[in-house]
PDB file of N, CA and C in Angstrom:
ATOM      1  N   UNK A   1      -7.302 -20.484  -4.389  1.00  0.00           N
ATOM      2  CA  UNK A   1      -7.482 -21.054  -5.755  1.00  0.00           C
ATOM      3  C   UNK A   1      -8.425 -20.316  -6.245  1.00  0.00           C
ATOM      4  N   UNK A   2      -9.319 -19.104  -5.988  1.00  0.00           N
ATOM      5  CA  UNK A   2     -10.274 -18.754  -6.697  1.00  0.00           C
ATOM      6  C   UNK A   2      -9.729 -17.495  -7.702  1.00  0.00           C
ATOM      7  N   UNK A   3      -8.536 -17.264  -7.149  1.00  0.00           N
ATOM      8  CA  UNK A   3      -7.884 -15.775  -7.676  1.00  0.00           C
ATOM      9  C   UNK A   3      -7.086 -16.805  -8.782  1.00  0.00           C
ATOM     10  N   UNK A   4      -6.565 -17.799  -8.659  1.00  0.00           N
ATOM     11  CA  UNK A   4      -5.857 -18.786  -9.767  1.00  0.00           C
ATOM     12  C   UNK A   4      -6.667 -19.156 -10.577  1.00  0.00           C
ATOM     13  N   UNK A   5      -8.291 -19.805 -10.360  1.00  0.00           N
ATOM     14  CA  UNK A   5      -9.125 -19.957 -11.318  1.00  0.00           C
ATOM     15  C   UNK A   5      -9.764 -19.053 -11.948  1.00  0.00           C
ATOM     16  N   UNK A   6      -9.570 -17.724 -11.646  1.00  0.00           N
ATOM     17  CA  UNK A   6     -10.411 -16.604 -12.059  1.00  0.00           C
ATOM     18  C   UNK A   6      -9.344 -15.964 -13.186  1.00  0.00           C
ATOM     19  N   UNK A   7      -8.235 -16.305 -12.815  1.00  0.00           N
ATOM     20  CA  UNK A   7      -7.060 -15.634 -13.742  1.00  0.00           C
ATOM     21  C   UNK A   7      -6.732 -15.945 -15.040  1.00  0.00           C
ATOM     22  N   UNK A   8      -7.506 -17.699 -15.245  1.00  0.00           N
ATOM     23  CA  UNK A   8      -7.507 -18.237 -16.242  1.00  0.00           C
ATOM     24  C   UNK A   8      -8.705 -17.894 -17.581  1.00  0.00           C
ATOM     25  N   UNK A   9     -10.197 -17.244 -16.686  1.00  0.00           N
ATOM     26  CA  UNK A   9     -11.357 -16.857 -17.787  1.00  0.00           C
ATOM     27  C   UNK A   9     -11.348 -15.621 -17.305  1.00  0.00           C
ATOM     28  N   UNK A  10     -10.460 -14.759 -17.044  1.00  0.00           N
ATOM     29  CA  UNK A  10     -10.722 -13.143 -16.896  1.00  0.00           C
ATOM     30  C   UNK A  10     -11.394 -12.830 -18.162  1.00  0.00           C
ATOM     31  N   UNK A  11     -11.130 -13.279 -19.584  1.00  0.00           N
ATOM     32  CA  UNK A  11     -11.687 -12.528 -20.346  1.00  0.00           C
ATOM     33  C   UNK A  11     -13.379 -12.929 -20.184  1.00  0.00           C
ATOM     34  N   UNK A  12     -13.915 -13.951 -19.677  1.00  0.00           N
ATOM     35  CA  UNK A  12     -15.191 -14.242 -19.470  1.00  0.00           C
ATOM     36  C   UNK A  12     -15.540 -13.329 -18.341  1.00  0.00           C
ATOM     37  N   UNK A  13     -14.820 -14.247 -16.778  1.00  0.00           N
ATOM     38  CA  UNK A  13     -15.191 -13.490 -15.710  1.00  0.00           C
ATOM     39  C   UNK A  13     -14.111 -12.738 -14.949  1.00  0.00           C
ATOM     40  N   UNK A  14     -14.534 -11.343 -14.923  1.00  0.00           N
ATOM     41  CA  UNK A  14     -13.352 -10.463 -14.797  1.00  0.00           C
ATOM     42  C   UNK A  14     -12.901 -10.686 -12.901  1.00  0.00           C
ATOM     43  N   UNK A  15     -11.442 -10.626 -12.631  1.00  0.00           N
ATOM     44  CA  UNK A  15     -10.833 -10.988 -11.465  1.00  0.00           C
ATOM     45  C   UNK A  15     -11.548  -9.548 -10.525  1.00  0.00           C
ATOM     46  N   UNK A  16     -12.381  -9.942  -9.370  1.00  0.00           N
ATOM     47  CA  UNK A  16     -12.655  -8.783  -8.664  1.00  0.00           C
ATOM     48  C   UNK A  16     -13.264  -9.195  -7.353  1.00  0.00           C
ATOM     49  N   UNK A  17     -13.538  -8.664  -6.493  1.00  0.00           N
ATOM     50  CA  UNK A  17     -13.680  -9.274  -5.392  1.00  0.00           C
ATOM     51  C   UNK A  17     -15.297 -10.046  -5.370  1.00  0.00           C
ATOM     52  N   UNK A  18     -15.867  -9.560  -6.061  1.00  0.00           N
ATOM     53  CA  UNK A  18     -17.493 -10.005  -5.827  1.00  0.00           C
ATOM     54  C   UNK A  18     -17.277 -11.309  -6.669  1.00  0.00           C
ATOM     55  N   UNK A  19     -16.723 -11.556  -8.238  1.00  0.00           N
ATOM     56  CA  UNK A  19     -16.385 -12.662  -8.659  1.00  0.00           C
ATOM     57  C   UNK A  19     -15.576 -13.641  -7.906  1.00  0.00           C
ATOM     58  N   UNK A  20     -14.597 -13.338  -7.073  1.00  0.00           N
ATOM     59  CA  UNK A  20     -14.279 -14.176  -6.033  1.00  0.00           C
ATOM     60  C   UNK A  20     -15.093 -14.670  -5.012  1.00  0.00           C
ATOM     61  N   UNK A  21     -15.258 -13.642  -4.689  1.00  0.00           N
ATOM     62  CA  UNK A  21     -17.118 -13.912  -3.281  1.00  0.00           C
ATOM     63  C   UNK A  21     -17.785 -15.098  -3.454  1.00  0.00           C
ATOM     64  N   UNK A  22     -18.257 -14.801  -5.205  1.00  0.00           N
ATOM     65  CA  UNK A  22     -19.114 -15.968  -5.856  1.00  0.00           C
ATOM     66  C   UNK A  22     -18.416 -17.261  -6.048  1.00  0.00           C
ATOM     67  N   UNK A  23     -17.171 -17.202  -6.731  1.00  0.00           N
ATOM     68  CA  UNK A  23     -16.501 -18.601  -6.523  1.00  0.00           C
ATOM     69  C   UNK A  23     -16.067 -19.457  -5.461  1.00  0.00           C
ATOM     70  N   UNK A  24     -15.894 -18.547  -4.099  1.00  0.00           N
ATOM     71  CA  UNK A  24     -15.614 -19.090  -2.786  1.00  0.00           C
ATOM     72  C   UNK A  24     -16.719 -19.869  -1.900  1.00  0.00           C
ATOM     73  N   UNK A  25     -17.936 -19.105  -2.359  1.00  0.00           N
ATOM     74  CA  UNK A  25     -19.084 -19.098  -1.816  1.00  0.00           C
ATOM     75  C   UNK A  25     -19.723 -20.814  -2.044  1.00  0.00           C
ATOM     76  N   UNK A  26     -20.160 -21.438  -0.697  1.00  0.00           N
ATOM     77  CA  UNK A  26     -20.594 -22.608  -1.117  1.00  0.00           C
ATOM     78  C   UNK A  26     -22.204 -23.087  -1.365  1.00  0.00           C
ATOM     79  N   UNK A  27     -22.793 -21.953  -0.778  1.00  0.00           N
ATOM     80  CA  UNK A  27     -24.584 -21.775  -0.533  1.00  0.00           C
ATOM     81  C   UNK A  27     -24.561 -20.267  -0.918  1.00  0.00           C
ATOM     82  N   UNK A  28     -25.399 -19.779  -2.390  1.00  0.00           N
ATOM     83  CA  UNK A  28     -25.715 -18.340  -2.482  1.00  0.00           C
ATOM     84  C   UNK A  28     -26.883 -18.242  -1.544  1.00  0.00           C
ATOM     85  N   UNK A  29     -27.180 -18.973  -0.773  1.00  0.00           N
ATOM     86  CA  UNK A  29     -28.350 -18.635   0.009  1.00  0.00           C
ATOM     87  C   UNK A  29     -28.179 -18.126   1.808  1.00  0.00           C
ATOM     88  N   UNK A  30     -26.523 -19.011   1.538  1.00  0.00           N
ATOM     89  CA  UNK A  30     -26.208 -18.960   2.911  1.00  0.00           C
ATOM     90  C   UNK A  30     -25.965 -17.092   3.381  1.00  0.00           C
ATOM     91  N   UNK A  31     -24.331 -17.020   3.489  1.00  0.00           N
ATOM     92  CA  UNK A  31     -23.986 -16.047   3.985  1.00  0.00           C
ATOM     93  C   UNK A  31     -24.199 -14.738   2.850  1.00  0.00           C
ATOM     94  N   UNK A  32     -24.394 -13.432   3.427  1.00  0.00           N
ATOM     95  CA  UNK A  32     -24.903 -12.404   2.277  1.00  0.00           C
ATOM     96  C   UNK A  32     -23.338 -12.541   1.214  1.00  0.00           C
ATOM     97  N   UNK A  33     -23.645 -12.109  -0.231  1.00  0.00           N
ATOM     98  CA  UNK A  33     -22.636 -12.173  -0.721  1.00  0.00           C
ATOM     99  C   UNK A  33     -22.044 -10.641  -0.680  1.00  0.00           C
ATOM    100  N   UNK A  34     -22.366  -9.507  -0.131  1.00  0.00           N
ATOM    101  CA  UNK A  34     -21.910  -8.537   0.195  1.00  0.00           C
ATOM    102  C   UNK A  34     -20.429  -8.683   1.294  1.00  0.00           C
ATOM    103  N   UNK A  35     -21.442  -9.400   2.585  1.00  0.00           N
ATOM    104  CA  UNK A  35     -20.221  -9.711   3.557  1.00  0.00           C
ATOM    105  C   UNK A  35     -18.942 -10.595   3.169  1.00  0.00           C
ATOM    106  N   UNK A  36     -19.291 -11.537   1.963  1.00  0.00           N
ATOM    107  CA  UNK A  36     -18.363 -12.639   1.542  1.00  0.00           C
ATOM    108  C   UNK A  36     -17.427 -11.499   0.734  1.00  0.00           C
ATOM    109  N   UNK A  37     -17.971 -10.889  -0.089  1.00  0.00           N
ATOM    110  CA  UNK A  37     -17.075  -9.583  -0.504  1.00  0.00           C
ATOM    111  C   UNK A  37     -16.323  -8.844  -0.035  1.00  0.00           C
ATOM    112  N   UNK A  38     -16.907  -8.531   1.360  1.00  0.00           N
ATOM    113  CA  UNK A  38     -15.884  -7.595   2.614  1.00  0.00           C
ATOM    114  C   UNK A  38     -14.806  -8.649   2.714  1.00  0.00           C
ATOM    115  N   UNK A  39     -15.302 -10.140   2.854  1.00  0.00           N
ATOM    116  CA  UNK A  39     -14.214 -10.717   3.662  1.00  0.00           C
ATOM    117  C   UNK A  39     -12.928 -11.204   2.457  1.00  0.00           C
ATOM    118  N   UNK A  40     -13.157 -11.022   1.645  1.00  0.00           N
ATOM    119  CA  UNK A  40     -12.306 -11.328   0.229  1.00  0.00           C
ATOM    120  C   UNK A  40     -11.244 -10.394   0.132  1.00  0.00           C
ATOM    121  N   UNK A  41     -12.008  -9.257   0.179  1.00  0.00           N
ATOM    122  CA  UNK A  41     -11.255  -8.077  -0.263  1.00  0.00           C
ATOM    123  C   UNK A  41     -10.095  -7.589   0.661  1.00  0.00           C
ATOM    124  N   UNK A  42     -10.473  -7.975   2.469  1.00  0.00           N
ATOM    125  CA  UNK A  42      -9.909  -8.029   3.334  1.00  0.00           C
ATOM    126  C   UNK A  42      -8.416  -8.869   3.089  1.00  0.00           C
ATOM    127  N   UNK A  43      -9.102 -10.189   2.915  1.00  0.00           N
ATOM    128  CA  UNK A  43      -7.970 -11.470   2.565  1.00  0.00           C
ATOM    129  C   UNK A  43      -6.762 -10.756   1.530  1.00  0.00           C
ATOM    130  N   UNK A  44      -7.481 -10.357   0.404  1.00  0.00           N
ATOM    131  CA  UNK A  44      -6.598  -9.971  -0.767  1.00  0.00           C
ATOM    132  C   UNK A  44      -5.570  -8.462  -0.212  1.00  0.00           C
ATOM    133  N   UNK A  45      -6.116  -7.783   0.878  1.00  0.00           N
ATOM    134  CA  UNK A  45      -5.065  -6.842   1.314  1.00  0.00           C
ATOM    135  C   UNK A  45      -3.956  -7.529   2.164  1.00  0.00           C
ATOM    136  N   UNK A  46      -4.241  -8.656   2.644  1.00  0.00           N
ATOM    137  CA  UNK A  46      -3.253  -9.014   3.851  1.00  0.00           C
ATOM    138  C   UNK A  46      -2.317 -10.071   2.501  1.00  0.00           C
ATOM    139  N   UNK A  47      -2.881 -10.476   1.809  1.00  0.00           N
ATOM    140  CA  UNK A  47      -1.891 -11.128   0.367  1.00  0.00           C
ATOM    141  C   UNK A  47      -1.360  -9.919  -0.392  1.00  0.00           C
ATOM    142  N   UNK A  48      -0.870  -8.913  -0.368  1.00  0.00           N
ATOM    143  CA  UNK A  48      -0.906  -8.066  -1.310  1.00  0.00           C
ATOM    144  C   UNK A  48       0.527  -7.638  -1.834  1.00  0.00           C
ATOM    145  N   UNK A  49       1.475  -9.165  -0.977  1.00  0.00           N
ATOM    146  CA  UNK A  49       2.438  -9.164  -1.295  1.00  0.00           C
ATOM    147  C   UNK A  49       2.691 -10.236  -2.369  1.00  0.00           C
ATOM    148  N   UNK A  50       1.663 -10.927  -2.746  1.00  0.00           N
ATOM    149  CA  UNK A  50       1.390 -11.668  -3.779  1.00  0.00           C
ATOM    150  C   UNK A  50       0.601 -11.660  -4.541  1.00  0.00           C
ATOM    151  N   UNK A  51      -0.953 -10.978  -4.048  1.00  0.00           N
ATOM    152  CA  UNK A  51      -1.530 -10.301  -5.135  1.00  0.00           C
ATOM    153  C   UNK A  51      -1.756  -8.922  -5.382  1.00  0.00           C
ATOM    154  N   UNK A  52      -1.612  -8.332  -6.412  1.00  0.00           N
ATOM    155  CA  UNK A  52      -1.767  -6.842  -6.319  1.00  0.00           C
ATOM    156  C   UNK A  52      -2.667  -6.488  -7.088  1.00  0.00           C
ATOM    157  N   UNK A  53      -3.359  -5.060  -6.916  1.00  0.00           N
ATOM    158  CA  UNK A  53      -4.825  -4.235  -7.428  1.00  0.00           C
ATOM    159  C   UNK A  53      -3.774  -3.867  -8.765  1.00  0.00           C
ATOM    160  N   UNK A  54      -5.115  -4.506 -10.064  1.00  0.00           N
ATOM    161  CA  UNK A  54      -4.139  -3.505 -10.939  1.00  0.00           C
ATOM    162  C   UNK A  54      -4.872  -2.214 -11.079  1.00  0.00           C
ATOM    163  N   UNK A  55      -4.307  -1.275 -12.268  1.00  0.00           N
ATOM    164  CA  UNK A  55      -4.899   0.050 -12.332  1.00  0.00           C
ATOM    165  C   UNK A  55      -6.275   0.068 -13.471  1.00  0.00           C
ATOM    166  N   UNK A  56      -6.530  -1.317 -13.997  1.00  0.00           N
ATOM    167  CA  UNK A  56      -7.009  -1.200 -15.283  1.00  0.00           C
ATOM    168  C   UNK A  56      -8.314  -1.324 -14.748  1.00  0.00           C
ATOM    169  N   UNK A  57      -9.180  -0.376 -15.733  1.00  0.00           N
ATOM    170  CA  UNK A  57     -10.663  -0.010 -14.846  1.00  0.00           C
ATOM    171  C   UNK A  57     -11.649  -0.982 -15.512  1.00  0.00           C
ATOM    172  N   UNK A  58     -11.246  -1.759 -16.626  1.00  0.00           N
ATOM    173  CA  UNK A  58     -12.002  -2.183 -17.482  1.00  0.00           C
ATOM    174  C   UNK A  58     -11.836  -3.503 -17.379  1.00  0.00           C
ATOM    175  N   UNK A  59     -10.977  -4.183 -16.944  1.00  0.00           N
ATOM    176  CA  UNK A  59     -10.547  -5.558 -16.760  1.00  0.00           C
ATOM    177  C   UNK A  59     -10.243  -6.369 -15.175  1.00  0.00           C
ATOM    178  N   UNK A  60      -9.727  -7.185 -15.089  1.00  0.00           N
ATOM    179  CA  UNK A  60      -9.406  -7.845 -13.406  1.00  0.00           C
ATOM    180  C   UNK A  60      -8.924  -6.732 -12.858  1.00  0.00           C
ATOM    181  N   UNK A  61      -9.009  -6.552 -11.606  1.00  0.00           N
ATOM    182  CA  UNK A  61      -8.983  -5.880 -10.489  1.00  0.00           C
ATOM    183  C   UNK A  61      -7.722  -6.295  -9.857  1.00  0.00           C
ATOM    184  N   UNK A  62      -7.355  -7.997 -10.129  1.00  0.00           N
ATOM    185  CA  UNK A  62      -6.152  -8.295  -9.291  1.00  0.00           C
ATOM    186  C   UNK A  62      -4.949  -9.138 -10.246  1.00  0.00           C
ATOM    187  N   UNK A  63      -3.849  -8.859 -10.004  1.00  0.00           N
ATOM    188  CA  UNK A  63      -3.024  -9.696 -10.750  1.00  0.00           C
ATOM    189  C   UNK A  63      -1.896 -10.315  -9.668  1.00  0.00           C
ATOM    190  N   UNK A  64      -1.058 -11.263 -10.399  1.00  0.00           N
ATOM    191  CA  UNK A  64      -0.126 -11.851  -9.066  1.00  0.00           C
ATOM    192  C   UNK A  64       1.228 -11.064  -9.583  1.00  0.00           C
ATOM    193  N   UNK A  65       1.334 -10.741  -8.135  1.00  0.00           N
ATOM    194  CA  UNK A  65       2.738 -10.180  -7.919  1.00  0.00           C
ATOM    195  C   UNK A  65       4.040 -10.593  -8.781  1.00  0.00           C
ATOM    196  N   UNK A  66       4.951  -9.775  -9.134  1.00  0.00           N
ATOM    197  CA  UNK A  66       5.793 -10.020  -9.447  1.00  0.00           C
ATOM    198  C   UNK A  66       7.320 -10.541  -8.932  1.00  0.00           C
ATOM    199  N   UNK A  67       8.422 -10.925  -9.238  1.00  0.00           N
ATOM    200  CA  UNK A  67       9.130 -11.522  -8.325  1.00  0.00           C
ATOM    201  C   UNK A  67       9.929 -10.167  -7.793  1.00  0.00           C
ATOM    202  N   UNK A  68      10.197  -9.073  -8.773  1.00  0.00           N
ATOM    203  CA  UNK A  68      10.613  -7.516  -8.277  1.00  0.00           C
ATOM    204  C   UNK A  68       9.625  -7.466  -6.660  1.00  0.00           C
ATOM    205  N   UNK A  69       8.388  -7.088  -7.074  1.00  0.00           N
ATOM    206  CA  UNK A  69       7.376  -6.723  -5.771  1.00  0.00           C
ATOM    207  C   UNK A  69       7.833  -7.644  -4.801  1.00  0.00           C
ATOM    208  N   UNK A  70       7.628  -8.599  -4.572  1.00  0.00           N
ATOM    209  CA  UNK A  70       7.852  -9.737  -3.772  1.00  0.00           C
ATOM    210  C   UNK A  70       9.103  -9.303  -2.849  1.00  0.00           C
ATOM    211  N   UNK A  71       9.858  -9.191  -3.563  1.00  0.00           N
ATOM    212  CA  UNK A  71      11.511  -8.903  -2.883  1.00  0.00           C
ATOM    213  C   UNK A  71      11.122  -7.272  -2.455  1.00  0.00           C
ATOM    214  N   UNK A  72      10.344  -6.209  -3.084  1.00  0.00           N
ATOM    215  CA  UNK A  72      10.500  -4.931  -2.109  1.00  0.00           C
ATOM    216  C   UNK A  72       9.670  -5.069  -0.876  1.00  0.00           C
ATOM    217  N   UNK A  73       8.573  -5.857  -0.946  1.00  0.00           N
ATOM    218  CA  UNK A  73       7.757  -6.012   0.239  1.00  0.00           C
ATOM    219  C   UNK A  73       8.601  -7.113   1.477  1.00  0.00           C
ATOM    220  N   UNK A  74       9.554  -7.758   0.990  1.00  0.00           N
ATOM    221  CA  UNK A  74      10.431  -8.541   2.242  1.00  0.00           C
ATOM    222  C   UNK A  74      11.058  -7.487   2.679  1.00  0.00           C
ATOM    223  N   UNK A  75      11.867  -6.524   1.701  1.00  0.00           N
ATOM    224  CA  UNK A  75      12.669  -5.625   2.422  1.00  0.00           C
ATOM    225  C   UNK A  75      12.135  -4.409   3.427  1.00  0.00           C
ATOM    226  N   UNK A  76      10.535  -4.383   2.672  1.00  0.00           N
ATOM    227  CA  UNK A  76      10.057  -3.606   3.563  1.00  0.00           C
ATOM    228  C   UNK A  76       9.330  -3.753   4.737  1.00  0.00           C
ATOM    229  N   UNK A  77       8.743  -5.528   4.664  1.00  0.00           N
ATOM    230  CA  UNK A  77       8.741  -6.126   6.499  1.00  0.00           C
ATOM    231  C   UNK A  77      10.119  -6.088   7.165  1.00  0.00           C
ATOM    232  N   UNK A  78      11.151  -5.917   6.447  1.00  0.00           N
ATOM    233  CA  UNK A  78      12.310  -6.259   7.244  1.00  0.00           C
ATOM    234  C   UNK A  78      13.040  -5.145   7.873  1.00  0.00           C
ATOM    235  N   UNK A  79      12.517  -3.635   6.989  1.00  0.00           N
ATOM    236  CA  UNK A  79      12.691  -2.238   7.829  1.00  0.00           C
ATOM    237  C   UNK A  79      11.635  -1.863   8.644  1.00  0.00           C
ATOM    238  N   UNK A  80      10.447  -2.495   8.514  1.00  0.00           N
ATOM    239  CA  UNK A  80       9.347  -2.132   9.433  1.00  0.00           C
ATOM    240  C   UNK A  80       9.678  -3.057  10.815  1.00  0.00           C
ATOM    241  N   UNK A  81      10.445  -4.174  10.803  1.00  0.00           N
ATOM    242  CA  UNK A  81      10.109  -4.395  11.465  1.00  0.00           C
ATOM    243  C   UNK A  81      11.762  -4.244  12.718  1.00  0.00           C
ATOM    244  N   UNK A  82      12.836  -4.023  12.081  1.00  0.00           N
ATOM    245  CA  UNK A  82      13.814  -3.609  12.718  1.00  0.00           C
ATOM    246  C   UNK A  82      14.548  -2.120  12.260  1.00  0.00           C
ATOM    247  N   UNK A  83      13.602  -1.163  12.019  1.00  0.00           N
ATOM    248  CA  UNK A  83      14.172  -0.082  11.433  1.00  0.00           C
ATOM    249  C   UNK A  83      15.865   0.942  12.017  1.00  0.00           C
ATOM    250  N   UNK A  84      16.472   0.866  10.471  1.00  0.00           N
ATOM    251  CA  UNK A  84      17.612   2.034  11.011  1.00  0.00           C
ATOM    252  C   UNK A  84      17.389   3.302  11.328  1.00  0.00           C
ATOM    253  N   UNK A  85      17.105   3.737  12.317  1.00  0.00           N
ATOM    254  CA  UNK A  85      16.835   5.134  12.647  1.00  0.00           C
ATOM    255  C   UNK A  85      17.765   5.659  12.003  1.00  0.00           C
ATOM    256  N   UNK A  86      19.169   5.508  12.377  1.00  0.00           N
ATOM    257  CA  UNK A  86      20.406   6.998  11.987  1.00  0.00           C
ATOM    258  C   UNK A  86      19.967   6.901  10.535  1.00  0.00           C
ATOM    259  N   UNK A  87      19.915   5.869   9.950  1.00  0.00           N
ATOM    260  CA  UNK A  87      19.600   6.464   8.708  1.00  0.00           C
ATOM    261  C   UNK A  87      18.436   6.918   7.786  1.00  0.00           C
ATOM    262  N   UNK A  88      17.334   6.798   8.920  1.00  0.00           N
ATOM    263  CA  UNK A  88      15.618   7.329   8.584  1.00  0.00           C
ATOM    264  C   UNK A  88      16.311   8.661   8.963  1.00  0.00           C
ATOM    265  N   UNK A  89      16.937   8.723  10.071  1.00  0.00           N
ATOM    266  CA  UNK A  89      17.164  10.668  10.220  1.00  0.00           C
ATOM    267  C   UNK A  89      18.071  11.258   9.290  1.00  0.00           C
ATOM    268  N   UNK A  90      19.143  10.673   8.979  1.00  0.00           N
ATOM    269  CA  UNK A  90      20.172  10.957   7.886  1.00  0.00           C
ATOM    270  C   UNK A  90      19.336  11.242   6.252  1.00  0.00           C
ATOM    271  N   UNK A  91      18.495  10.634   6.030  1.00  0.00           N
ATOM    272  CA  UNK A  91      17.566  10.709   5.001  1.00  0.00           C
ATOM    273  C   UNK A  91      16.958  11.900   4.989  1.00  0.00           C
ATOM    274  N   UNK A  92      16.146  12.248   6.099  1.00  0.00           N
ATOM    275  CA  UNK A  92      15.535  13.103   6.408  1.00  0.00           C
ATOM    276  C   UNK A  92      16.225  14.321   6.698  1.00  0.00           C
ATOM    277  N   UNK A  93      17.429  14.575   6.924  1.00  0.00           N
ATOM    278  CA  UNK A  93      17.902  15.688   7.241  1.00  0.00           C
ATOM    279  C   UNK A  93      18.860  15.884   5.531  1.00  0.00           C
ATOM    280  N   UNK A  94      19.077  15.070   4.912  1.00  0.00           N
ATOM    281  CA  UNK A  94      19.285  15.726   2.960  1.00  0.00           C
ATOM    282  C   UNK A  94      18.128  15.674   2.309  1.00  0.00           C
ATOM    283  N   UNK A  95      17.200  15.035   2.881  1.00  0.00           N
ATOM    284  CA  UNK A  95      15.974  15.232   1.380  1.00  0.00           C
ATOM    285  C   UNK A  95      15.099  16.253   1.790  1.00  0.00           C
ATOM    286  N   UNK A  96      14.530  16.293   3.557  1.00  0.00           N
ATOM    287  CA  UNK A  96      13.580  16.828   3.697  1.00  0.00           C
ATOM    288  C   UNK A  96      13.958  18.350   4.393  1.00  0.00           C
ATOM    289  N   UNK A  97      14.765  18.425   5.139  1.00  0.00           N
ATOM    290  CA  UNK A  97      14.937  19.556   6.243  1.00  0.00           C
ATOM    291  C   UNK A  97      15.000  20.805   5.065  1.00  0.00           C
ATOM    292  N   UNK A  98      15.825  20.370   4.601  1.00  0.00           N
ATOM    293  CA  UNK A  98      16.445  21.782   3.039  1.00  0.00           C
ATOM    294  C   UNK A  98      15.102  22.386   3.054  1.00  0.00           C
ATOM    295  N   UNK A  99      14.361  21.446   2.410  1.00  0.00           N
ATOM    296  CA  UNK A  99      13.305  21.924   1.786  1.00  0.00           C
ATOM    297  C   UNK A  99      12.569  22.854   2.882  1.00  0.00           C
ATOM    298  N   UNK A 100      12.331  21.780   3.918  1.00  0.00           N
ATOM    299  CA  UNK A 100      11.317  22.684   4.751  1.00  0.00           C
ATOM    300  C   UNK A 100      11.717  24.300   5.398  1.00  0.00           C
ATOM    301  N   UNK A 101      12.926  23.848   5.673  1.00  0.00           N
ATOM    302  CA  UNK A 101      13.586  25.312   6.165  1.00  0.00           C
ATOM    303  C   UNK A 101      13.247  26.525   5.020  1.00  0.00           C
ATOM    304  N   UNK A 102      13.455  26.280   3.253  1.00  0.00           N
ATOM    305  CA  UNK A 102      13.339  26.781   2.200  1.00  0.00           C
ATOM    306  C   UNK A 102      11.715  27.406   2.805  1.00  0.00           C
ATOM    307  N   UNK A 103      10.646  26.999   2.869  1.00  0.00           N
ATOM    308  CA  UNK A 103       9.657  27.165   2.885  1.00  0.00           C
ATOM    309  C   UNK A 103       8.927  27.956   4.410  1.00  0.00           C
ATOM    310  N   UNK A 104      10.026  27.750   5.213  1.00  0.00           N
ATOM    311  CA  UNK A 104       9.566  28.787   6.519  1.00  0.00           C
ATOM    312  C   UNK A 104       9.910  30.231   6.450  1.00  0.00           C
ATOM    313  N   UNK A 105       9.072  30.713   7.144  1.00  0.00           N
ATOM    314  CA  UNK A 105       9.218  32.321   6.826  1.00  0.00           C
ATOM    315  C   UNK A 105      10.273  32.650   7.916  1.00  0.00           C
ATOM    316  N   UNK A 106      11.212  32.276   8.249  1.00  0.00           N
ATOM    317  CA  UNK A 106      12.523  32.469   8.861  1.00  0.00           C
ATOM    318  C   UNK A 106      12.809  33.997   8.505  1.00  0.00           C
ATOM    319  N   UNK A 107      13.154  34.815  10.018  1.00  0.00           N
ATOM    320  CA  UNK A 107      13.782  35.744   9.911  1.00  0.00           C
ATOM    321  C   UNK A 107      15.395  35.703   9.751  1.00  0.00           C
ATOM    322  N   UNK A 108      15.759  36.444   9.329  1.00  0.00           N
ATOM    323  CA  UNK A 108      17.310  36.726   8.799  1.00  0.00           C
ATOM    324  C   UNK A 108      18.100  36.647  10.446  1.00  0.00           C
ATOM    325  N   UNK A 109      17.441  37.933  10.915  1.00  0.00           N
ATOM    326  CA  UNK A 109      18.239  38.075  12.693  1.00  0.00           C
ATOM    327  C   UNK A 109      16.992  38.476  13.270  1.00  0.00           C
ATOM    328  N   UNK A 110      17.510  38.247  14.900  1.00  0.00           N
ATOM    329  CA  UNK A 110      16.343  38.267  15.517  1.00  0.00           C
ATOM    330  C   UNK A 110      17.150  39.249  16.959  1.00  0.00           C
ATOM    331  N   UNK A 111      16.554  39.801  17.478  1.00  0.00           N
ATOM    332  CA  UNK A 111      17.508  40.359  18.538  1.00  0.00           C
ATOM    333  C   UNK A 111      17.731  40.026  19.690  1.00  0.00           C
ATOM    334  N   UNK A 112      18.519  39.704  20.746  1.00  0.00           N
ATOM    335  CA  UNK A 112      19.259  39.066  21.469  1.00  0.00           C
ATOM    336  C   UNK A 112      18.683  39.651  22.714  1.00  0.00           C
ATOM    337  N   UNK A 113      17.724  38.828  23.660  1.00  0.00           N
ATOM    338  CA  UNK A 113      17.435  39.806  24.662  1.00  0.00           C
ATOM    339  C   UNK A 113      17.662  40.966  25.027  1.00  0.00           C
ATOM    340  N   UNK A 114      18.079  41.515  26.250  1.00  0.00           N
ATOM    341  CA  UNK A 114      17.622  42.726  26.742  1.00  0.00           C
ATOM    342  C   UNK A 114      18.663  44.192  25.850  1.00  0.00           C
ATOM    343  N   UNK A 115      20.087  43.087  25.338  1.00  0.00           N
ATOM    344  CA  UNK A 115      20.938  43.881  24.611  1.00  0.00           C
ATOM    345  C   UNK A 115      20.733  44.548  23.223  1.00  0.00           C
ATOM    346  N   UNK A 116      20.010  43.899  22.838  1.00  0.00           N
ATOM    347  CA  UNK A 116      19.617  44.483  21.244  1.00  0.00           C
ATOM    348  C   UNK A 116      20.155  43.913  20.386  1.00  0.00           C
ATOM    349  N   UNK A 117      21.539  43.293  20.605  1.00  0.00           N
ATOM    350  CA  UNK A 117      22.512  42.710  19.506  1.00  0.00           C
ATOM    351  C   UNK A 117      21.864  41.310  19.165  1.00  0.00           C
ATOM    352  N   UNK A 118      21.890  41.463  17.404  1.00  0.00           N
ATOM    353  CA  UNK A 118      21.578  40.580  17.173  1.00  0.00           C
ATOM    354  C   UNK A 118      22.360  39.490  16.730  1.00  0.00           C
TER     355      UNK A 118
END
């Protein structure tokens, strides 16, 4: 709720962890502001599918995720719970292995055992 409320007054009160902590505290003399701020930050991290950090250093630190971002997170969660390992290996083969072998100082030929053949 605090995120939603602060979103509408962000010109006056920037949407950041500290301001959200103050908004959710019942008693400013109770639990410390910094521990509440830390709990708010942890909660926002868990809600990253819905509430995203912004890159704007001067304005609010958080915004609501777009529908496209939520769909990406849904796909990510699905892939993490049931990865397609064949697809992962194929992608690594296609995009990574060639670059790795280019950077490795592999010899062009190597003697084979005692025979001296290469």
